[in-house]
Protein backbone atom coordinates (compact mmCIF):
# COMPACT_ATOMS: atom_id res chain seq x y z
CA UNK A 1 87.54 73.21 81.28
CA UNK A 2 91.31 73.05 81.61
CA UNK A 3 93.51 75.73 83.13
CA UNK A 4 94.76 78.02 80.38
CA UNK A 5 96.75 80.62 82.32
CA UNK A 6 98.80 80.97 85.49
CA UNK A 7 98.82 84.25 87.39
CA UNK A 8 101.67 84.69 89.82
CA UNK A 9 102.36 86.58 93.01
CA UNK A 10 105.87 88.10 93.01
CA UNK A 11 107.34 88.63 96.48
CA UNK A 12 108.26 85.37 98.24
CA UNK A 13 106.74 83.41 95.33
CA UNK A 14 108.96 84.21 92.35
CA UNK A 15 111.34 86.59 94.09
CA UNK A 16 113.03 85.77 97.41
CA UNK A 17 111.88 88.96 99.12
CA UNK A 18 112.45 87.77 102.68
CA UNK A 19 116.11 86.95 102.09
CA UNK A 20 116.77 90.18 100.17
CA UNK A 21 115.03 92.26 102.83
CA UNK A 22 117.06 90.67 105.63
CA UNK A 23 120.38 91.13 103.84
CA UNK A 24 119.56 94.67 102.74
CA UNK A 25 118.30 95.80 106.14
CA UNK A 26 121.29 94.28 107.95
CA UNK A 27 123.71 96.26 105.77
CA UNK A 28 121.55 99.38 105.92
CA UNK A 29 121.27 99.43 109.71
CA UNK A 30 125.02 99.08 110.04
CA UNK A 31 125.58 101.92 107.57
CA UNK A 32 123.08 104.14 109.43
CA UNK A 33 124.69 103.40 112.82
CA UNK A 34 121.46 102.01 114.25
CA UNK A 35 122.51 98.57 115.44
CA UNK A 36 123.62 99.75 118.89
CA UNK A 37 119.98 100.45 119.75
CA UNK A 38 119.19 96.72 119.61
CA UNK A 39 120.37 93.63 121.43
CA UNK A 40 121.05 91.93 118.11
CA UNK A 41 120.78 92.33 114.37
CA UNK A 42 117.99 89.76 114.37
CA UNK A 43 115.98 91.80 116.87
CA UNK A 44 116.28 94.91 114.69
CA UNK A 45 115.29 93.03 111.55
CA UNK A 46 112.35 91.38 113.31
CA UNK A 47 111.05 94.80 114.38
CA UNK A 48 111.41 96.14 110.84
CA UNK A 49 109.42 93.20 109.47
CA UNK A 50 106.71 93.61 112.11
CA UNK A 51 106.35 97.30 111.23
CA UNK A 52 106.39 96.48 107.53
CA UNK A 53 103.56 93.95 107.93
CA UNK A 54 101.48 96.38 109.95
CA UNK A 55 101.89 99.29 107.52
CA UNK A 56 101.35 97.03 104.52
CA UNK A 57 98.04 95.93 106.04
CA UNK A 58 97.02 99.59 106.25
CA UNK A 59 97.88 100.07 102.59
CA UNK A 60 95.96 96.93 101.61
CA UNK A 61 92.94 98.23 103.52
CA UNK A 62 93.08 101.53 101.65
CA UNK A 63 94.07 103.53 104.73
CA UNK A 64 97.24 104.96 103.18
CA UNK A 65 99.00 105.23 99.84
CA UNK A 66 101.85 103.03 98.63
CA UNK A 67 104.36 105.81 99.26
CA UNK A 68 102.64 106.64 102.53
CA UNK A 69 103.16 103.15 103.94
CA UNK A 70 106.85 103.37 103.06
CA UNK A 71 107.21 106.68 104.89
CA UNK A 72 105.30 105.43 107.92
CA UNK A 73 107.49 102.31 108.10
CA UNK A 74 110.52 104.57 108.44
CA UNK A 75 108.91 106.96 110.94
CA UNK A 76 107.67 104.18 113.22
CA UNK A 77 110.94 102.27 113.03
CA UNK A 78 113.02 105.33 113.87
CA UNK A 79 110.48 106.84 116.27
CA UNK A 80 110.89 110.21 114.59
CA UNK A 81 108.50 112.65 112.90
CA UNK A 82 110.48 112.89 109.69
CA UNK A 83 109.45 115.03 106.74
CA UNK A 84 108.30 113.20 103.63
CA UNK A 85 111.59 114.05 101.93
CA UNK A 86 113.69 112.73 104.82
CA UNK A 87 111.63 109.53 105.14
CA UNK A 88 111.90 108.98 101.39
CA UNK A 89 115.66 109.49 101.47
CA UNK A 90 116.11 106.98 104.33
CA UNK A 91 114.00 104.41 102.52
CA UNK A 92 115.89 104.92 99.27
CA UNK A 93 119.18 104.28 101.07
CA UNK A 94 117.70 101.03 102.35
CA UNK A 95 116.47 100.12 98.86
CA UNK A 96 119.97 100.51 97.45
CA UNK A 97 121.24 97.81 99.83
CA UNK A 98 118.15 95.63 99.40
CA UNK A 99 118.45 95.56 95.61
CA UNK A 100 121.97 94.12 95.75
CA UNK A 101 120.44 90.91 97.17
CA UNK A 102 117.65 90.46 94.62
CA UNK A 103 117.28 86.88 93.33
CA UNK A 104 114.67 84.47 92.03
CA UNK A 105 114.03 81.25 93.92
CA UNK A 106 115.91 78.35 92.26
CA UNK A 107 112.68 76.59 91.26
CA UNK A 108 111.22 79.56 89.35
CA UNK A 109 112.92 79.37 85.96
CA UNK A 110 112.49 75.58 85.65
CA UNK A 111 108.78 75.95 86.40
CA UNK A 112 108.30 78.82 83.95
CA UNK A 113 110.19 76.88 81.30
CA UNK A 114 108.09 73.76 81.89
CA UNK A 115 104.85 75.74 81.50
CA UNK A 116 105.94 78.18 78.77
CA UNK A 117 104.34 76.30 75.87
CA UNK A 118 101.22 75.07 77.64
CA UNK A 119 100.00 78.08 79.63
CA UNK A 120 99.77 81.85 79.41
CA UNK A 121 101.27 83.79 82.31
CA UNK A 122 100.54 86.97 84.23
CA UNK A 123 101.35 88.72 87.51
CA UNK A 124 99.05 90.03 90.23
CA UNK A 125 100.84 91.73 93.13
CA UNK A 126 99.75 93.79 96.11
CA UNK A 127 102.60 96.18 95.37
CA UNK A 128 103.00 98.95 92.78
CA UNK A 129 103.64 98.54 89.05
CA UNK A 130 106.53 100.98 89.39
CA UNK A 131 108.23 98.58 91.81
CA UNK A 132 107.29 95.23 90.30
CA UNK A 133 107.80 96.10 86.64
CA UNK A 134 111.38 97.15 87.32
CA UNK A 135 111.99 94.19 89.63
CA UNK A 136 110.86 91.67 87.02
CA UNK A 137 113.07 93.35 84.41
CA UNK A 138 116.12 93.25 86.68
CA UNK A 139 115.43 89.59 87.47
CA UNK A 140 115.20 88.82 83.76
CA UNK A 141 111.65 87.45 83.66
CA UNK A 142 109.53 90.47 82.70
CA UNK A 143 108.89 89.20 79.17
CA UNK A 144 107.52 85.91 80.50
CA UNK A 145 104.25 87.63 81.50
CA UNK A 146 101.43 88.95 79.31
CA UNK A 147 99.97 91.11 82.06
CA UNK A 148 101.38 92.71 85.22
CA UNK A 149 98.74 94.08 87.57
CA UNK A 150 99.38 95.70 90.95
CA UNK A 151 97.10 96.82 93.77
CA UNK A 152 98.39 100.39 93.91
CA UNK A 153 97.12 101.01 90.38
CA UNK A 154 94.10 98.67 90.44
CA UNK A 155 92.61 100.27 93.52
CA UNK A 156 91.80 96.85 94.97
CA UNK A 157 94.15 94.37 96.64
CA UNK A 158 94.25 90.67 97.44
CA UNK A 159 92.46 88.90 99.09
CA UNK A 160 89.51 90.84 97.63
CA UNK A 161 87.93 88.90 94.77
CA UNK A 162 88.04 92.01 92.60
CA UNK A 163 91.83 91.84 92.39
CA UNK A 164 91.84 88.26 91.13
CA UNK A 165 88.93 88.87 88.78
CA UNK A 166 90.76 91.88 87.31
CA UNK A 167 93.60 89.56 86.32
CA UNK A 168 91.14 87.13 84.73
CA UNK A 169 89.48 89.98 82.84
CA UNK A 170 92.85 91.21 81.58
CA UNK A 171 93.55 87.74 80.21
CA UNK A 172 89.97 87.48 78.85
CA UNK A 173 89.50 84.19 80.67
CA UNK A 174 86.94 82.94 83.18
CA UNK A 175 88.19 82.40 86.75
CA UNK A 176 87.94 78.61 86.46
CA UNK A 177 90.38 78.78 83.53
CA UNK A 178 93.05 80.52 85.61
CA UNK A 179 95.40 79.28 88.32
CA UNK A 180 96.88 81.62 90.91
CA UNK A 181 100.19 80.87 92.64
CA UNK A 182 101.14 82.74 95.81
CA UNK A 183 102.93 82.31 99.14
CA UNK A 184 100.39 83.61 101.66
CA UNK A 185 97.78 81.08 102.82
CA UNK A 186 94.99 83.62 103.25
CA UNK A 187 95.82 86.63 101.04
CA UNK A 188 96.84 84.45 98.10
CA UNK A 189 95.62 80.93 98.79
CA UNK A 190 92.18 81.50 100.27
CA UNK A 191 91.59 84.71 98.34
CA UNK A 192 92.16 83.09 94.95
CA UNK A 193 90.07 80.03 95.86
CA UNK A 194 87.17 82.18 97.04
CA UNK A 195 87.32 84.14 93.76
CA UNK A 196 86.87 80.91 91.81
CA UNK A 197 90.42 80.41 90.53
CA UNK A 198 92.45 77.24 90.89
CA UNK A 199 94.49 78.29 93.90
CA UNK A 200 98.02 77.02 94.50
CA UNK A 201 99.76 77.98 97.74
CA UNK A 202 103.55 77.67 97.69
CA UNK A 203 104.67 76.94 101.26
CA UNK A 204 108.40 76.35 100.86
CA UNK A 205 109.25 76.39 104.56
CA UNK A 206 106.21 74.45 105.77
CA UNK A 207 105.87 76.80 108.73
CA UNK A 208 102.19 77.69 108.44
CA UNK A 209 99.46 75.97 110.41
CA UNK A 210 95.97 76.12 108.96
CA UNK A 211 92.65 74.59 109.80
CA UNK A 212 90.21 72.77 107.56
CA UNK A 213 90.89 73.82 103.97
CA UNK A 214 88.25 71.84 102.09
CA UNK A 215 87.73 73.54 98.75
CA UNK A 216 90.73 75.79 99.36
CA UNK A 217 94.15 76.00 97.77
CA UNK A 218 96.44 73.22 96.68
CA UNK A 219 99.51 73.31 98.93
CA UNK A 220 102.95 72.69 97.43
CA UNK A 221 106.47 72.89 98.82
CA UNK A 222 108.19 73.55 95.48
CA UNK A 223 107.17 74.94 92.11
CA UNK A 224 108.41 71.65 90.67
CA UNK A 225 105.03 70.27 91.79
CA UNK A 226 103.04 72.84 89.81
CA UNK A 227 103.04 71.25 86.31
CA UNK A 228 101.50 68.06 87.70
CA UNK A 229 98.71 70.03 89.37
CA UNK A 230 97.93 71.97 86.20
CA UNK A 231 97.99 68.81 84.14
CA UNK A 232 95.56 67.00 86.44
CA UNK A 233 91.81 67.35 86.70
CA UNK A 234 91.52 70.99 87.75
CA UNK A 235 87.82 71.56 87.19
CA UNK A 236 86.32 74.00 89.66
CA UNK A 237 85.08 72.06 92.66
CA UNK A 238 87.51 69.17 92.27
CA UNK A 239 88.98 67.86 95.55
CA UNK A 240 91.92 69.87 96.81
CA UNK A 241 95.31 68.38 97.56
CA UNK A 242 95.71 70.93 100.36
CA UNK A 243 96.62 69.35 103.65
């Protein structure tokens, strides 16, 4: 049976999160007078990203709340036992800078336009609906999606099969009728494939190294490649183009 819907990841798939985070944090650290504590801006940003990844993993594992991981990112980065209110205030000041750099990847609108008539569309993110709903509205693509599901509200996060199956259920489609597009080779790519969806991994930079991926995700460098994949033989179990 052909693919009838595409479910999308948001950060670093539709939205250039990495670039916005780097720009926002660079401006924020300068405004907070924190750059002197580091040898370079890049060192400070790298530490922020490392802490972010670690705390996000805790949230994904159910060890902390969405707001809790934000507060802990600030506390670990600053090395201070801040109150919840103070941690929230610091993070909100960062967010103000980060939001000024929000942008879609250049290949997003052409891909959505190309698939608008042929496929239904939804979002599945490991973030919060409060964050992603507003982000998609600001970026001007909110109305492109029938469903927007997020881990903070679902109670289950990618790569767990339950997250992907929740999106399929919301669309009232079987997993083999749904494609999932995401940027992370394991959380998105392998997770979606293991849940029975047609999995498409967008690897724009080509920086990841993976082992044998038989039966795993299709690997693309641009969303311009997506329509051809969805128009091909995408029956569950068909050979992957991943490599």
